[in-house]
């Protein structure tokens, strides 16, 4: 009776997928092309293109100089480059975005700054462009 319950708990623990979150801390500078399997949070500096298979969050102190491709993104810091998002892009108050946006859904808060063009397109078209 007790052994069966214990085995189920053990199976759950061993089969649970670990959290896939990569964090670039304040004071960290990365240069080059970056590909992240899970989600990415940037509080430091990235100089280069970023491909993320889940969500990208640029924190208030974070800076990315390069293009970003991801499923969804929240910008609170600075992005100097284009962004390709297959789902929702959110520009939070205080962010600075210099570049073009390609997304299906866009949310811009008051006090967010955006300089560039915005292209809201269908998800299928965006996935084709990101694959090129």
N, C-alpha and C. Protein backbone atom coordinates (compact mmCIF):
# COMPACT_ATOMS: atom_id res chain seq x y z
N UNK A 1 0.82 -1.19 0.00
CA UNK A 1 0.00 0.00 0.00
C UNK A 1 0.87 1.26 0.00
N UNK A 2 1.79 1.32 0.96
CA UNK A 2 2.66 2.49 1.00
C UNK A 2 3.69 2.46 -0.13
N UNK A 3 4.14 1.27 -0.49
CA UNK A 3 5.13 1.13 -1.55
C UNK A 3 4.62 1.61 -2.90
N UNK A 4 3.33 1.39 -3.19
CA UNK A 4 2.76 1.82 -4.46
C UNK A 4 2.75 3.34 -4.56
N UNK A 5 2.34 4.00 -3.49
CA UNK A 5 2.30 5.47 -3.51
C UNK A 5 3.71 6.04 -3.66
N UNK A 6 4.65 5.43 -2.97
CA UNK A 6 6.04 5.90 -3.05
C UNK A 6 6.58 5.76 -4.46
N UNK A 7 6.27 4.67 -5.13
CA UNK A 7 6.75 4.46 -6.50
C UNK A 7 6.17 5.48 -7.46
N UNK A 8 4.90 5.84 -7.28
CA UNK A 8 4.30 6.84 -8.15
C UNK A 8 4.98 8.19 -7.97
N UNK A 9 5.28 8.55 -6.73
CA UNK A 9 5.98 9.81 -6.48
C UNK A 9 7.37 9.79 -7.10
N UNK A 10 8.07 8.67 -7.00
CA UNK A 10 9.41 8.56 -7.56
C UNK A 10 9.36 8.67 -9.09
N UNK A 11 8.34 8.05 -9.72
CA UNK A 11 8.20 8.16 -11.17
C UNK A 11 7.97 9.60 -11.60
N UNK A 12 7.15 10.33 -10.84
CA UNK A 12 6.88 11.72 -11.16
C UNK A 12 8.14 12.56 -11.07
N UNK A 13 8.92 12.35 -10.05
CA UNK A 13 10.14 13.13 -9.85
C UNK A 13 11.16 12.85 -10.96
N UNK A 14 11.31 11.62 -11.35
CA UNK A 14 12.32 11.28 -12.35
C UNK A 14 11.89 11.62 -13.78
N UNK A 15 10.58 11.68 -14.03
CA UNK A 15 10.13 11.95 -15.39
C UNK A 15 9.78 13.42 -15.62
N UNK A 16 9.74 14.23 -14.57
CA UNK A 16 9.42 15.65 -14.73
C UNK A 16 10.54 16.34 -15.51
N UNK A 17 10.15 17.17 -16.47
CA UNK A 17 11.14 17.88 -17.28
C UNK A 17 11.71 19.06 -16.50
N UNK A 18 13.02 19.24 -16.48
CA UNK A 18 13.60 20.36 -15.76
C UNK A 18 13.27 21.69 -16.42
N UNK A 19 13.23 22.73 -15.61
CA UNK A 19 12.96 24.07 -16.12
C UNK A 19 14.10 24.49 -17.03
N UNK A 20 13.75 24.92 -18.24
CA UNK A 20 14.77 25.34 -19.21
C UNK A 20 14.76 26.85 -19.30
N UNK A 21 15.46 27.51 -18.39
CA UNK A 21 15.55 28.96 -18.36
C UNK A 21 17.01 29.35 -18.30
N UNK A 22 17.45 30.12 -19.27
CA UNK A 22 18.81 30.64 -19.31
C UNK A 22 18.75 32.10 -18.90
N UNK A 23 19.59 32.48 -17.94
CA UNK A 23 19.61 33.86 -17.45
C UNK A 23 20.98 34.47 -17.69
N UNK A 24 20.98 35.64 -18.31
CA UNK A 24 22.21 36.41 -18.49
C UNK A 24 22.16 37.52 -17.44
N UNK A 25 22.98 37.39 -16.42
CA UNK A 25 22.92 38.28 -15.26
C UNK A 25 23.52 39.66 -15.56
N UNK A 26 23.16 40.62 -14.72
CA UNK A 26 23.70 41.97 -14.81
C UNK A 26 25.22 41.89 -14.70
N UNK A 27 25.91 42.62 -15.56
CA UNK A 27 27.37 42.61 -15.57
C UNK A 27 27.96 41.60 -16.53
N UNK A 28 27.14 40.74 -17.12
CA UNK A 28 27.60 39.73 -18.07
C UNK A 28 27.47 40.27 -19.49
N UNK A 29 28.52 40.06 -20.30
CA UNK A 29 28.50 40.47 -21.70
C UNK A 29 28.77 39.24 -22.55
N UNK A 30 27.85 38.91 -23.46
CA UNK A 30 28.02 37.80 -24.39
C UNK A 30 28.09 38.35 -25.80
N UNK A 31 29.05 37.83 -26.59
CA UNK A 31 29.20 38.25 -27.98
C UNK A 31 29.14 37.02 -28.86
N UNK A 32 28.32 37.09 -29.92
CA UNK A 32 28.20 35.97 -30.84
C UNK A 32 26.77 35.58 -31.06
N UNK A 33 26.57 34.49 -31.79
CA UNK A 33 25.24 33.98 -32.09
C UNK A 33 24.82 33.04 -30.96
N UNK A 34 23.62 33.26 -30.43
CA UNK A 34 23.14 32.49 -29.28
C UNK A 34 21.86 31.76 -29.65
N UNK A 35 21.80 30.47 -29.33
CA UNK A 35 20.58 29.69 -29.53
C UNK A 35 20.22 29.04 -28.20
N UNK A 36 18.97 29.25 -27.78
CA UNK A 36 18.50 28.75 -26.49
C UNK A 36 17.33 27.81 -26.73
N UNK A 37 17.40 26.61 -26.17
CA UNK A 37 16.34 25.62 -26.33
C UNK A 37 15.07 26.01 -25.58
N UNK A 38 15.20 26.55 -24.38
CA UNK A 38 14.04 26.93 -23.57
C UNK A 38 13.80 28.42 -23.64
N UNK A 39 13.62 29.04 -22.46
CA UNK A 39 13.38 30.48 -22.36
C UNK A 39 14.68 31.20 -21.98
N UNK A 40 14.70 32.51 -22.23
CA UNK A 40 15.89 33.32 -21.98
C UNK A 40 15.50 34.62 -21.29
N UNK A 41 16.23 34.96 -20.21
CA UNK A 41 16.07 36.26 -19.56
C UNK A 41 17.41 36.97 -19.64
N UNK A 42 17.38 38.22 -20.12
CA UNK A 42 18.60 39.00 -20.29
C UNK A 42 18.56 40.21 -19.35
N UNK A 43 19.46 40.23 -18.39
CA UNK A 43 19.65 41.39 -17.53
C UNK A 43 21.02 42.01 -17.78
N UNK A 44 21.85 41.33 -18.56
CA UNK A 44 23.16 41.83 -18.94
C UNK A 44 23.14 42.35 -20.37
N UNK A 45 24.22 42.06 -21.12
CA UNK A 45 24.37 42.57 -22.49
C UNK A 45 24.64 41.40 -23.43
N UNK A 46 23.92 41.37 -24.56
CA UNK A 46 24.19 40.41 -25.62
C UNK A 46 24.47 41.21 -26.89
N UNK A 47 25.60 40.91 -27.53
CA UNK A 47 25.96 41.52 -28.81
C UNK A 47 25.99 40.40 -29.85
N UNK A 48 24.90 40.25 -30.57
CA UNK A 48 24.78 39.19 -31.56
C UNK A 48 23.34 38.75 -31.68
N UNK A 49 23.08 37.86 -32.63
CA UNK A 49 21.72 37.39 -32.87
C UNK A 49 21.33 36.32 -31.86
N UNK A 50 20.02 36.31 -31.50
CA UNK A 50 19.49 35.37 -30.51
C UNK A 50 18.34 34.60 -31.14
N UNK A 51 18.39 33.27 -31.02
CA UNK A 51 17.28 32.41 -31.40
C UNK A 51 16.84 31.66 -30.16
N UNK A 52 15.56 31.79 -29.83
CA UNK A 52 15.03 31.19 -28.60
C UNK A 52 13.77 30.41 -28.95
N UNK A 53 13.67 29.17 -28.46
CA UNK A 53 12.56 28.31 -28.82
C UNK A 53 11.33 28.50 -27.93
N UNK A 54 11.42 29.39 -26.94
CA UNK A 54 10.25 29.70 -26.10
C UNK A 54 10.15 31.21 -25.93
N UNK A 55 10.33 31.73 -24.74
CA UNK A 55 10.13 33.15 -24.46
C UNK A 55 11.45 33.86 -24.18
N UNK A 56 11.56 35.09 -24.69
CA UNK A 56 12.69 35.97 -24.38
C UNK A 56 12.17 37.12 -23.54
N UNK A 57 12.86 37.39 -22.42
CA UNK A 57 12.56 38.54 -21.59
C UNK A 57 13.82 39.37 -21.49
N UNK A 58 13.73 40.63 -21.90
CA UNK A 58 14.84 41.56 -21.70
C UNK A 58 14.45 42.42 -20.51
N UNK A 59 15.18 42.23 -19.40
CA UNK A 59 14.88 42.95 -18.17
C UNK A 59 15.19 44.44 -18.30
N UNK A 60 14.80 45.23 -17.29
CA UNK A 60 15.00 46.69 -17.35
C UNK A 60 16.45 47.12 -17.59
N UNK A 61 17.42 46.34 -17.11
CA UNK A 61 18.83 46.66 -17.29
C UNK A 61 19.44 45.94 -18.48
N UNK A 62 18.68 45.08 -19.14
CA UNK A 62 19.20 44.27 -20.24
C UNK A 62 19.30 45.01 -21.56
N UNK A 63 20.30 44.62 -22.36
CA UNK A 63 20.50 45.20 -23.69
C UNK A 63 20.87 44.10 -24.67
N UNK A 64 20.19 44.11 -25.82
CA UNK A 64 20.53 43.19 -26.90
C UNK A 64 20.78 44.02 -28.14
N UNK A 65 21.96 43.83 -28.75
CA UNK A 65 22.30 44.47 -30.01
C UNK A 65 22.40 43.36 -31.04
N UNK A 66 21.34 43.17 -31.80
CA UNK A 66 21.27 42.08 -32.76
C UNK A 66 19.82 41.71 -32.96
N UNK A 67 19.57 40.73 -33.81
CA UNK A 67 18.21 40.31 -34.12
C UNK A 67 17.78 39.19 -33.19
N UNK A 68 16.48 39.18 -32.86
CA UNK A 68 15.91 38.15 -31.98
C UNK A 68 14.83 37.40 -32.74
N UNK A 69 14.84 36.07 -32.61
CA UNK A 69 13.79 35.22 -33.13
C UNK A 69 13.31 34.34 -31.99
N UNK A 70 11.99 34.39 -31.69
CA UNK A 70 11.45 33.58 -30.60
C UNK A 70 9.96 33.37 -30.77
N UNK A 71 9.38 32.56 -29.87
CA UNK A 71 7.95 32.32 -29.89
C UNK A 71 7.22 33.51 -29.30
N UNK A 72 7.69 34.03 -28.16
CA UNK A 72 7.10 35.21 -27.54
C UNK A 72 8.22 36.01 -26.88
N UNK A 73 7.92 37.28 -26.59
CA UNK A 73 8.95 38.13 -25.98
C UNK A 73 8.31 39.25 -25.17
N UNK A 74 9.03 39.64 -24.10
CA UNK A 74 8.66 40.79 -23.28
C UNK A 74 9.89 41.67 -23.21
N UNK A 75 9.77 42.92 -23.66
CA UNK A 75 10.89 43.85 -23.65
C UNK A 75 10.67 44.91 -22.59
N UNK A 76 11.61 44.97 -21.65
CA UNK A 76 11.61 46.02 -20.63
C UNK A 76 12.85 46.88 -20.76
N UNK A 77 13.89 46.34 -21.36
CA UNK A 77 15.17 47.03 -21.54
C UNK A 77 15.32 47.56 -22.96
N UNK A 78 16.52 47.35 -23.54
CA UNK A 78 16.86 47.92 -24.84
C UNK A 78 17.12 46.83 -25.87
N UNK A 79 16.54 46.99 -27.05
CA UNK A 79 16.81 46.12 -28.19
C UNK A 79 17.16 46.99 -29.38
N UNK A 80 18.37 46.76 -29.94
CA UNK A 80 18.80 47.44 -31.15
C UNK A 80 18.93 46.38 -32.23
N UNK A 81 17.84 46.16 -32.95
CA UNK A 81 17.80 45.13 -33.98
C UNK A 81 16.37 44.73 -34.24
N UNK A 82 16.18 43.84 -35.20
CA UNK A 82 14.84 43.37 -35.55
C UNK A 82 14.42 42.25 -34.63
N UNK A 83 13.10 42.07 -34.49
CA UNK A 83 12.58 40.97 -33.69
C UNK A 83 11.49 40.24 -34.47
N UNK A 84 11.59 38.91 -34.50
CA UNK A 84 10.63 38.03 -35.16
C UNK A 84 10.00 37.16 -34.08
N UNK A 85 8.70 37.34 -33.84
CA UNK A 85 8.00 36.61 -32.78
C UNK A 85 6.79 35.92 -33.39
N UNK A 86 6.64 34.61 -33.14
CA UNK A 86 5.53 33.86 -33.73
C UNK A 86 4.23 34.01 -32.96
N UNK A 87 4.28 34.53 -31.72
CA UNK A 87 3.05 34.70 -30.96
C UNK A 87 2.91 36.14 -30.48
N UNK A 88 3.16 36.42 -29.21
CA UNK A 88 2.91 37.73 -28.63
C UNK A 88 4.22 38.45 -28.29
N UNK A 89 4.30 39.71 -28.71
CA UNK A 89 5.40 40.60 -28.33
C UNK A 89 4.82 41.70 -27.46
N UNK A 90 5.42 41.89 -26.27
CA UNK A 90 4.97 42.93 -25.36
C UNK A 90 6.10 43.92 -25.12
N UNK A 91 5.84 45.21 -25.39
CA UNK A 91 6.79 46.28 -25.10
C UNK A 91 6.32 46.97 -23.83
N UNK A 92 7.07 46.79 -22.75
CA UNK A 92 6.70 47.33 -21.45
C UNK A 92 7.16 48.78 -21.32
N UNK A 93 6.55 49.51 -20.38
CA UNK A 93 6.93 50.89 -20.12
C UNK A 93 8.42 50.95 -19.78
N UNK A 94 9.12 51.90 -20.40
CA UNK A 94 10.55 52.06 -20.15
C UNK A 94 11.45 51.37 -21.14
N UNK A 95 10.91 50.52 -22.00
CA UNK A 95 11.77 49.83 -22.97
C UNK A 95 12.09 50.75 -24.14
N UNK A 96 13.20 50.44 -24.83
CA UNK A 96 13.60 51.16 -26.03
C UNK A 96 13.85 50.13 -27.12
N UNK A 97 13.09 50.21 -28.19
CA UNK A 97 13.20 49.27 -29.31
C UNK A 97 13.55 50.05 -30.56
N UNK A 98 14.74 49.78 -31.12
CA UNK A 98 15.17 50.38 -32.38
C UNK A 98 15.34 49.26 -33.39
N UNK A 99 14.34 49.09 -34.24
CA UNK A 99 14.38 48.02 -35.24
C UNK A 99 12.99 47.69 -35.70
N UNK A 100 12.89 46.71 -36.57
CA UNK A 100 11.61 46.32 -37.13
C UNK A 100 11.02 45.16 -36.35
N UNK A 101 9.69 45.14 -36.29
CA UNK A 101 8.95 44.11 -35.57
C UNK A 101 8.18 43.26 -36.58
N UNK A 102 8.28 41.95 -36.42
CA UNK A 102 7.50 40.98 -37.20
C UNK A 102 6.80 40.08 -36.19
N UNK A 103 5.49 40.21 -36.06
CA UNK A 103 4.78 39.44 -35.05
C UNK A 103 3.32 39.23 -35.43
N UNK A 104 2.69 38.27 -34.76
CA UNK A 104 1.25 38.04 -34.94
C UNK A 104 0.44 38.93 -34.01
N UNK A 105 0.94 39.14 -32.78
CA UNK A 105 0.24 39.93 -31.78
C UNK A 105 1.22 40.89 -31.14
N UNK A 106 0.77 42.13 -30.92
CA UNK A 106 1.64 43.16 -30.37
C UNK A 106 0.91 43.93 -29.28
N UNK A 107 1.60 44.12 -28.16
CA UNK A 107 1.07 44.89 -27.05
C UNK A 107 2.11 45.92 -26.65
N UNK A 108 1.73 47.21 -26.68
CA UNK A 108 2.66 48.28 -26.33
C UNK A 108 2.07 49.09 -25.19
N UNK A 109 2.80 49.16 -24.08
CA UNK A 109 2.36 49.95 -22.93
C UNK A 109 2.73 51.41 -23.13
N UNK A 110 2.00 52.32 -22.47
CA UNK A 110 2.41 53.72 -22.49
C UNK A 110 3.82 53.85 -21.91
N UNK A 111 4.58 54.79 -22.40
CA UNK A 111 5.97 55.04 -21.99
C UNK A 111 6.96 54.06 -22.61
N UNK A 112 6.52 53.14 -23.46
CA UNK A 112 7.45 52.30 -24.22
C UNK A 112 7.84 53.08 -25.47
N UNK A 113 9.12 52.98 -25.87
CA UNK A 113 9.59 53.70 -27.06
C UNK A 113 9.94 52.69 -28.14
N UNK A 114 9.43 52.97 -29.36
CA UNK A 114 9.64 52.07 -30.48
C UNK A 114 9.95 52.90 -31.72
N UNK A 115 11.09 52.63 -32.36
CA UNK A 115 11.50 53.30 -33.59
C UNK A 115 11.76 52.23 -34.65
N UNK A 116 10.90 52.18 -35.65
CA UNK A 116 11.03 51.19 -36.70
C UNK A 116 9.69 50.94 -37.34
N UNK A 117 9.58 49.84 -38.07
CA UNK A 117 8.32 49.48 -38.68
C UNK A 117 7.75 48.24 -38.00
N UNK A 118 6.45 48.13 -38.03
CA UNK A 118 5.77 47.00 -37.42
C UNK A 118 5.03 46.23 -38.48
N UNK A 119 5.26 44.94 -38.54
CA UNK A 119 4.61 44.07 -39.50
C UNK A 119 3.86 42.98 -38.75
N UNK A 120 2.54 43.10 -38.69
CA UNK A 120 1.75 42.05 -38.07
C UNK A 120 1.29 41.12 -39.17
N UNK A 121 1.77 39.89 -39.10
CA UNK A 121 1.52 38.93 -40.16
C UNK A 121 1.02 37.63 -39.57
N UNK A 122 0.54 36.76 -40.44
CA UNK A 122 0.04 35.47 -40.00
C UNK A 122 1.17 34.59 -39.51
N UNK A 123 0.87 33.71 -38.57
CA UNK A 123 1.88 32.85 -37.95
C UNK A 123 2.61 31.99 -38.98
N UNK A 124 1.91 31.46 -39.95
CA UNK A 124 2.52 30.60 -40.95
C UNK A 124 3.58 31.35 -41.76
N UNK A 125 3.30 32.59 -42.14
CA UNK A 125 4.26 33.38 -42.90
C UNK A 125 5.49 33.68 -42.07
N UNK A 126 5.30 33.95 -40.78
CA UNK A 126 6.40 34.28 -39.90
C UNK A 126 7.32 33.09 -39.70
N UNK A 127 6.75 31.89 -39.53
CA UNK A 127 7.57 30.70 -39.36
C UNK A 127 8.39 30.41 -40.60
N UNK A 128 7.84 30.66 -41.77
CA UNK A 128 8.58 30.46 -43.02
C UNK A 128 9.75 31.42 -43.10
N UNK A 129 9.54 32.69 -42.74
CA UNK A 129 10.61 33.70 -42.79
C UNK A 129 11.70 33.37 -41.76
N UNK A 130 11.30 32.94 -40.56
CA UNK A 130 12.28 32.61 -39.52
C UNK A 130 13.14 31.42 -39.91
N UNK A 131 12.59 30.50 -40.69
CA UNK A 131 13.33 29.32 -41.11
C UNK A 131 14.36 29.63 -42.17
N UNK A 132 14.23 30.75 -42.88
CA UNK A 132 15.15 31.10 -43.96
C UNK A 132 16.51 31.48 -43.46
